């Protein structure tokens, strides 16, 4: 079901200019019903009303809603946040004192700052507009909106593009926010990662049946627990009909060796987020493993994945630099 629930709206800008309620909701990272509630309860709707059932939101209207999002993300009650948003107040601007005139609506430069700083609470630079919606939903801990935005991004752009251009920039922005804010926003990072993981599982097709000599084993090296990049690789390979066996975080050496021997994979992807966990001897050992009948024995292609392998390059083993390159590397050996 589309995010835009208004009758007659199909997600495209209506004739005459302006954005539909669904487009505004996607940009803000909220549900369309939330936008309508803010309109009905607090007077945050479009300033220019037209006939019919279509709602047209101008840049100024959207900027006002962005201020509302930013203020509610700081913990303000919606009614108070709406009053300040209507006065043109952002979290990094003082509220007007009693008896003084409300602040003028911010100009284009202030609105840009609101989108990348106050509006989303994260520095996203020139990232896709979808990143801002995902970031806002994550900051508000809005599970329903976040799931819908992630689903839409994957369906509209494809898994590789959604991961590379929407999800990763948002995860990185959350990480920077956490690093610069002490212990704050840890819950946002965990919340976002959990929902991305769930969205990947829902997006991926059913598990592909094993084909002899075509299976890929994916695992984090011992002491490494960052599984999300492997989860998206597993989903991308499943999309292409390639069988995958995913073993998740911190797989002990003996368990990795046993898994490789039991599955006889064409490729093994080893993820290391940190240089302290990347192990060149382990990668070399797995790459040297053989199976099969005498005279036709095979070895897996071992892919060293993740930033932990920087400076730990293993001669002869591919080190893909991103998701698209990793998918291509696996396809090249699995489809021979």
Protein backbone atom coordinates (compact mmCIF):
# COMPACT_ATOMS: atom_id res chain seq x y z
CA UNK A 1 0.00 0.00 0.00
CA UNK A 2 1.25 3.46 -0.87
CA UNK A 3 2.29 5.87 1.85
CA UNK A 4 -0.09 8.35 0.30
CA UNK A 5 -3.57 7.39 1.40
CA UNK A 6 -5.46 10.39 -0.06
CA UNK A 7 -8.09 9.36 -2.61
CA UNK A 8 -7.00 10.16 -6.13
CA UNK A 9 -3.34 10.87 -5.24
CA UNK A 10 -0.81 8.63 -6.94
CA UNK A 11 2.40 10.02 -5.43
CA UNK A 12 3.21 12.45 -8.22
CA UNK A 13 3.11 16.21 -7.87
CA UNK A 14 -0.36 17.51 -8.72
CA UNK A 15 -0.93 19.84 -11.58
CA UNK A 16 -0.36 23.42 -10.55
CA UNK A 17 2.70 22.68 -8.38
CA UNK A 18 3.21 21.65 -4.79
CA UNK A 19 3.64 18.28 -3.12
CA UNK A 20 1.02 15.71 -2.24
CA UNK A 21 0.51 14.63 1.35
CA UNK A 22 2.21 11.31 0.57
CA UNK A 23 5.29 13.03 -0.86
CA UNK A 24 5.50 15.31 2.16
CA UNK A 25 5.20 12.33 4.51
CA UNK A 26 8.03 10.49 2.73
CA UNK A 27 10.23 13.56 2.87
CA UNK A 28 9.63 14.03 6.59
CA UNK A 29 9.75 10.37 7.52
CA UNK A 30 6.28 10.31 9.05
CA UNK A 31 3.03 8.57 8.21
CA UNK A 32 0.52 10.52 6.06
CA UNK A 33 -1.97 10.25 8.93
CA UNK A 34 0.49 12.14 11.13
CA UNK A 35 0.65 14.99 8.62
CA UNK A 36 -3.13 15.16 8.49
CA UNK A 37 -3.38 15.07 12.30
CA UNK A 38 -0.95 17.99 12.62
CA UNK A 39 -3.06 19.88 10.10
CA UNK A 40 -6.34 19.15 11.87
CA UNK A 41 -5.18 19.66 15.47
CA UNK A 42 -2.52 22.35 15.23
CA UNK A 43 -3.18 24.25 11.99
CA UNK A 44 0.01 23.07 10.29
CA UNK A 45 -1.68 22.40 6.97
CA UNK A 46 -1.09 24.01 3.58
CA UNK A 47 -1.45 27.78 3.57
CA UNK A 48 -3.07 27.76 0.12
CA UNK A 49 -6.20 25.62 -0.11
CA UNK A 50 -7.60 24.53 -3.46
CA UNK A 51 -10.80 22.86 -4.51
CA UNK A 52 -11.14 19.10 -4.55
CA UNK A 53 -9.53 16.55 -2.25
CA UNK A 54 -5.91 17.11 -3.26
CA UNK A 55 -3.65 18.92 -0.80
CA UNK A 56 -0.81 21.01 -2.22
CA UNK A 57 2.13 21.72 0.07
CA UNK A 58 4.56 24.52 -0.78
CA UNK A 59 8.23 24.74 0.25
CA UNK A 60 7.20 27.06 3.08
CA UNK A 61 4.57 24.59 4.27
CA UNK A 62 7.12 21.77 4.27
CA UNK A 63 9.67 23.92 6.11
CA UNK A 64 7.09 24.50 8.86
CA UNK A 65 6.51 20.75 9.17
CA UNK A 66 10.27 20.17 9.26
CA UNK A 67 10.47 22.52 12.23
CA UNK A 68 7.66 20.53 13.86
CA UNK A 69 9.62 17.28 13.34
CA UNK A 70 12.81 18.81 14.71
CA UNK A 71 11.08 20.18 17.81
CA UNK A 72 9.21 16.96 18.64
CA UNK A 73 12.51 15.07 18.26
CA UNK A 74 13.88 17.13 21.17
CA UNK A 75 11.11 15.81 23.44
CA UNK A 76 8.65 18.71 23.27
CA UNK A 77 4.95 17.91 23.47
CA UNK A 78 3.31 18.12 20.02
CA UNK A 79 1.10 21.07 20.96
CA UNK A 80 4.05 23.14 22.18
CA UNK A 81 6.20 22.07 19.22
CA UNK A 82 3.43 23.14 16.83
CA UNK A 83 3.15 26.57 18.48
CA UNK A 84 6.88 27.13 18.11
CA UNK A 85 6.94 25.75 14.56
CA UNK A 86 4.24 28.22 13.55
CA UNK A 87 6.39 30.99 15.09
CA UNK A 88 9.36 29.91 12.96
CA UNK A 89 11.36 28.54 15.90
CA UNK A 90 13.86 25.69 15.41
CA UNK A 91 15.69 23.74 18.15
CA UNK A 92 18.82 25.86 17.69
CA UNK A 93 16.90 29.17 17.75
CA UNK A 94 15.49 30.84 20.89
CA UNK A 95 11.73 30.89 21.34
CA UNK A 96 10.17 34.37 21.13
CA UNK A 97 9.70 36.08 24.51
CA UNK A 98 6.19 36.91 25.64
CA UNK A 99 5.03 40.21 24.23
CA UNK A 100 7.35 40.16 21.22
CA UNK A 101 6.48 39.56 17.60
CA UNK A 102 6.90 36.01 16.31
CA UNK A 103 10.05 35.32 14.33
CA UNK A 104 9.78 35.60 10.56
CA UNK A 105 9.71 32.31 8.66
CA UNK A 106 13.27 31.21 7.86
CA UNK A 107 14.63 31.85 4.40
CA UNK A 108 16.05 29.22 2.02
CA UNK A 109 19.43 29.03 3.80
CA UNK A 110 17.77 28.46 7.17
CA UNK A 111 15.51 25.79 5.66
CA UNK A 112 18.54 23.99 4.27
CA UNK A 113 20.14 24.04 7.72
CA UNK A 114 16.90 22.71 9.16
CA UNK A 115 16.90 19.75 6.78
CA UNK A 116 20.47 18.71 7.46
CA UNK A 117 20.87 19.79 11.06
CA UNK A 118 17.85 20.76 13.09
CA UNK A 119 15.29 19.08 10.91
CA UNK A 120 16.83 15.64 10.92
CA UNK A 121 19.26 16.09 13.80
CA UNK A 122 21.90 14.50 11.56
CA UNK A 123 24.41 15.78 9.03
CA UNK A 124 23.45 14.23 5.73
CA UNK A 125 25.00 16.67 3.24
CA UNK A 126 23.81 16.05 -0.30
CA UNK A 127 22.35 12.61 0.40
CA UNK A 128 19.14 11.46 -1.27
CA UNK A 129 15.96 13.01 0.09
CA UNK A 130 14.89 9.57 1.31
CA UNK A 131 17.80 9.64 3.78
CA UNK A 132 16.26 12.59 5.56
CA UNK A 133 12.95 10.81 5.96
CA UNK A 134 14.63 7.64 7.26
CA UNK A 135 16.78 9.71 9.64
CA UNK A 136 13.79 11.57 11.06
CA UNK A 137 11.82 8.36 11.57
CA UNK A 138 14.82 6.80 13.34
CA UNK A 139 15.31 9.81 15.62
CA UNK A 140 11.65 9.72 16.60
CA UNK A 141 11.85 5.92 17.11
CA UNK A 142 8.84 5.67 14.78
CA UNK A 143 8.79 1.97 13.87
CA UNK A 144 5.84 2.04 11.46
CA UNK A 145 7.15 4.98 9.43
CA UNK A 146 10.70 3.59 9.37
CA UNK A 147 9.58 0.17 8.09
CA UNK A 148 7.47 1.77 5.37
CA UNK A 149 10.26 4.10 4.24
CA UNK A 150 12.81 1.27 4.08
CA UNK A 151 10.39 -0.94 2.15
CA UNK A 152 9.65 1.83 -0.32
CA UNK A 153 13.35 2.59 -0.87
CA UNK A 154 14.15 -1.06 -1.59
CA UNK A 155 11.20 -1.52 -3.94
CA UNK A 156 11.69 1.74 -5.85
CA UNK A 157 15.50 1.75 -6.16
CA UNK A 158 16.48 -1.90 -5.83
CA UNK A 159 18.41 -3.39 -2.94
CA UNK A 160 21.92 -2.34 -3.98
CA UNK A 161 21.02 1.31 -4.60
CA UNK A 162 18.82 1.52 -1.51
CA UNK A 163 21.66 0.18 0.63
CA UNK A 164 24.39 2.29 -0.94
CA UNK A 165 22.56 5.60 -1.34
CA UNK A 166 19.90 5.58 1.38
CA UNK A 167 20.68 3.18 4.23
CA UNK A 168 24.46 3.49 4.52
CA UNK A 169 24.53 7.34 4.52
CA UNK A 170 21.85 7.35 7.22
CA UNK A 171 23.66 4.76 9.34
CA UNK A 172 26.89 6.74 9.01
CA UNK A 173 25.13 9.95 10.01
CA UNK A 174 23.67 8.25 13.08
CA UNK A 175 27.13 6.93 13.96
CA UNK A 176 28.65 10.41 13.71
CA UNK A 177 25.84 11.81 15.86
CA UNK A 178 26.52 9.19 18.50
CA UNK A 179 30.29 9.79 18.46
CA UNK A 180 29.80 13.53 18.89
CA UNK A 181 27.13 13.30 21.59
CA UNK A 182 28.67 11.14 24.28
CA UNK A 183 26.35 8.28 25.10
CA UNK A 184 23.28 9.85 23.48
CA UNK A 185 21.60 8.39 20.40
CA UNK A 186 22.90 4.86 20.97
CA UNK A 187 19.27 3.77 21.04
CA UNK A 188 18.72 5.37 17.62
CA UNK A 189 21.59 3.41 16.09
CA UNK A 190 20.33 0.12 17.54
CA UNK A 191 16.76 0.91 16.51
CA UNK A 192 17.72 1.78 12.94
CA UNK A 193 19.99 -1.26 12.54
CA UNK A 194 17.29 -3.60 13.84
CA UNK A 195 14.70 -2.27 11.43
CA UNK A 196 17.10 -2.37 8.48
CA UNK A 197 17.80 -6.01 9.32
CA UNK A 198 14.09 -6.78 9.40
CA UNK A 199 13.47 -4.93 6.14
CA UNK A 200 16.21 -6.95 4.44
CA UNK A 201 14.66 -10.23 5.56
CA UNK A 202 11.22 -9.19 4.34
CA UNK A 203 12.60 -7.97 1.02
CA UNK A 204 14.68 -11.06 0.25
CA UNK A 205 12.99 -13.92 -1.63
CA UNK A 206 12.58 -17.34 0.01
CA UNK A 207 15.79 -19.25 0.69
CA UNK A 208 17.26 -20.52 -2.54
CA UNK A 209 17.81 -24.29 -2.68
CA UNK A 210 21.39 -25.51 -2.67
CA UNK A 211 23.03 -26.18 -5.98
CA UNK A 212 26.25 -28.22 -5.89
CA UNK A 213 29.23 -25.94 -6.36
CA UNK A 214 27.18 -22.72 -6.24
CA UNK A 215 26.63 -22.02 -2.54
CA UNK A 216 28.20 -19.00 -0.82
CA UNK A 217 29.09 -19.05 2.88
CA UNK A 218 28.96 -15.71 4.70
CA UNK A 219 30.31 -15.20 8.21
CA UNK A 220 31.89 -12.62 10.47
CA UNK A 221 35.40 -13.51 11.61
CA UNK A 222 35.83 -14.45 15.29
CA UNK A 223 35.20 -11.54 17.72
CA UNK A 224 33.37 -9.58 14.99
CA UNK A 225 29.66 -8.90 15.49
CA UNK A 226 28.78 -6.35 12.76
CA UNK A 227 26.47 -8.53 10.69
CA UNK A 228 24.37 -5.98 8.79
CA UNK A 229 26.67 -5.72 5.73
CA UNK A 230 26.60 -9.51 5.39
CA UNK A 231 22.83 -9.52 5.75
CA UNK A 232 22.41 -7.17 2.81
CA UNK A 233 24.88 -9.20 0.73
CA UNK A 234 22.93 -12.38 1.53
CA UNK A 235 19.69 -10.69 0.47
CA UNK A 236 21.25 -9.36 -2.75
CA UNK A 237 22.58 -12.81 -3.69
CA UNK A 238 19.22 -14.43 -2.93
CA UNK A 239 17.57 -11.87 -5.24
CA UNK A 240 19.78 -13.22 -8.01
CA UNK A 241 18.87 -16.84 -7.31
CA UNK A 242 22.20 -17.72 -5.71
CA UNK A 243 22.13 -20.05 -2.67
CA UNK A 244 23.61 -18.57 0.50
CA UNK A 245 24.42 -19.92 3.94
CA UNK A 246 24.61 -17.09 6.47
CA UNK A 247 26.32 -17.76 9.83
CA UNK A 248 26.20 -14.28 11.36
CA UNK A 249 28.52 -12.78 13.93
CA UNK A 250 31.69 -13.99 15.62
CA UNK A 251 31.79 -17.51 14.14
CA UNK A 252 34.53 -19.51 15.90
CA UNK A 253 37.36 -20.77 13.71
CA UNK A 254 36.52 -24.44 14.17
CA UNK A 255 32.85 -23.77 13.35
CA UNK A 256 33.78 -21.85 10.20
CA UNK A 257 36.01 -24.69 9.05
CA UNK A 258 33.26 -27.23 9.75
CA UNK A 259 30.70 -25.13 7.84
CA UNK A 260 32.98 -24.85 4.81
CA UNK A 261 33.68 -28.59 4.79
CA UNK A 262 29.98 -29.48 5.10
CA UNK A 263 28.72 -27.11 2.39
CA UNK A 264 31.59 -27.18 -0.13
CA UNK A 265 30.95 -23.53 -1.11
CA UNK A 266 32.07 -21.88 -4.30
CA UNK A 267 32.78 -18.69 -2.32
CA UNK A 268 33.31 -17.69 1.31
CA UNK A 269 32.78 -14.08 2.43
CA UNK A 270 34.59 -13.14 5.65
CA UNK A 271 33.54 -9.81 7.20
CA UNK A 272 35.86 -7.81 9.48
CA UNK A 273 34.83 -4.36 10.67
CA UNK A 274 38.03 -3.76 12.61
CA UNK A 275 41.69 -4.42 11.84
CA UNK A 276 41.95 -6.08 15.24
CA UNK A 277 39.55 -8.82 14.12
CA UNK A 278 40.76 -9.34 10.53
CA UNK A 279 43.00 -12.43 10.37
CA UNK A 280 45.16 -13.06 7.34
CA UNK A 281 46.10 -16.60 8.50
CA UNK A 282 42.41 -17.49 8.82
CA UNK A 283 41.60 -16.25 5.31
CA UNK A 284 44.58 -18.15 3.89
CA UNK A 285 43.58 -21.31 5.74
CA UNK A 286 40.01 -21.25 4.39
CA UNK A 287 41.26 -20.48 0.87
CA UNK A 288 43.50 -23.54 1.01
CA UNK A 289 40.73 -25.96 2.05
CA UNK A 290 39.82 -28.61 -0.52
CA UNK A 291 36.97 -31.07 -0.98
CA UNK A 292 35.61 -33.40 -3.63
CA UNK A 293 36.81 -36.62 -5.21
CA UNK A 294 40.46 -37.21 -5.95
CA UNK A 295 41.44 -35.60 -9.24
CA UNK A 296 38.55 -33.11 -9.13
CA UNK A 297 39.09 -31.41 -5.82
CA UNK A 298 37.95 -27.80 -5.41
CA UNK A 299 38.79 -24.78 -3.29
CA UNK A 300 36.56 -21.82 -2.40
CA UNK A 301 37.16 -18.27 -3.52
CA UNK A 302 37.55 -16.30 -0.27
CA UNK A 303 36.34 -12.68 -0.30
CA UNK A 304 37.83 -10.46 2.41
CA UNK A 305 34.98 -8.06 3.16
CA UNK A 306 34.87 -4.93 5.30
CA UNK A 307 37.18 -2.09 6.38
CA UNK A 308 39.06 -4.34 8.79
CA UNK A 309 40.97 -5.88 5.89
CA UNK A 310 42.52 -2.54 4.91
CA UNK A 311 46.26 -3.04 5.25
CA UNK A 312 45.68 -6.78 5.72
CA UNK A 313 45.32 -7.62 2.05
CA UNK A 314 45.79 -11.32 1.38
CA UNK A 315 47.59 -11.98 -1.92
CA UNK A 316 45.34 -13.70 -4.43
CA UNK A 317 42.10 -13.09 -2.52
CA UNK A 318 39.58 -10.54 -3.83
CA UNK A 319 38.68 -7.61 -1.57
CA UNK A 320 35.49 -6.00 -2.97
CA UNK A 321 35.11 -2.35 -2.05
CA UNK A 322 31.30 -2.30 -1.80
CA UNK A 323 28.08 -4.24 -2.10
CA UNK A 324 27.79 -4.08 -5.89
CA UNK A 325 31.37 -5.26 -6.34
CA UNK A 326 30.88 -8.09 -3.83
CA UNK A 327 27.75 -9.29 -5.64
CA UNK A 328 29.60 -9.22 -8.97
CA UNK A 329 32.54 -11.15 -7.50
CA UNK A 330 30.28 -13.93 -6.19
CA UNK A 331 28.28 -14.08 -9.44
CA UNK A 332 31.46 -14.40 -11.47
CA UNK A 333 32.47 -17.62 -9.69
CA UNK A 334 29.01 -19.06 -8.90
CA UNK A 335 27.73 -18.82 -12.47
CA UNK A 336 30.75 -20.27 -14.23
